């Protein structure tokens, strides 16, 4: 178990809303290589490891990815706060806003909702680690 301090490690303070930017950043929240997939990937794959220390490391990484999810959510929320319907429509963010208003919902920039199909937990520790590296942008 871990302690949650109820504050962002890196506070987000966006003073100028920009829904166009939010429409791109939302993919980092729930897109194919976003933070939601990353956190679920590590937290699911930890069970493939017999060594409790390695499983613990994956748990630590998974919960760190949840913290990233929180920061990305704060960014999207602040980028869309207070915008009018006209501004949202002009930026291309209106379809998202129609379905979710000011809520932060996990989807890719193209509008595809997050799904567990965004990550794999094969039970093969090496295959899972290779997927983790690929999703994190590492060269395999």
Foldseek 3Di string as FASTA:
>chain_A
DDDDPPAQPDDDDDDEAAQLVLLQLLCLQANLLHLVLQLVLLLLQLVLDPDVVSSVVSNVRSVVSVSVNVVSQVVSLVNPPPDDCVNCVVSVNNVVCVVANSGRARDHSVRHHHDNVSADRPSDNVVSVVRSCVSVVHDD
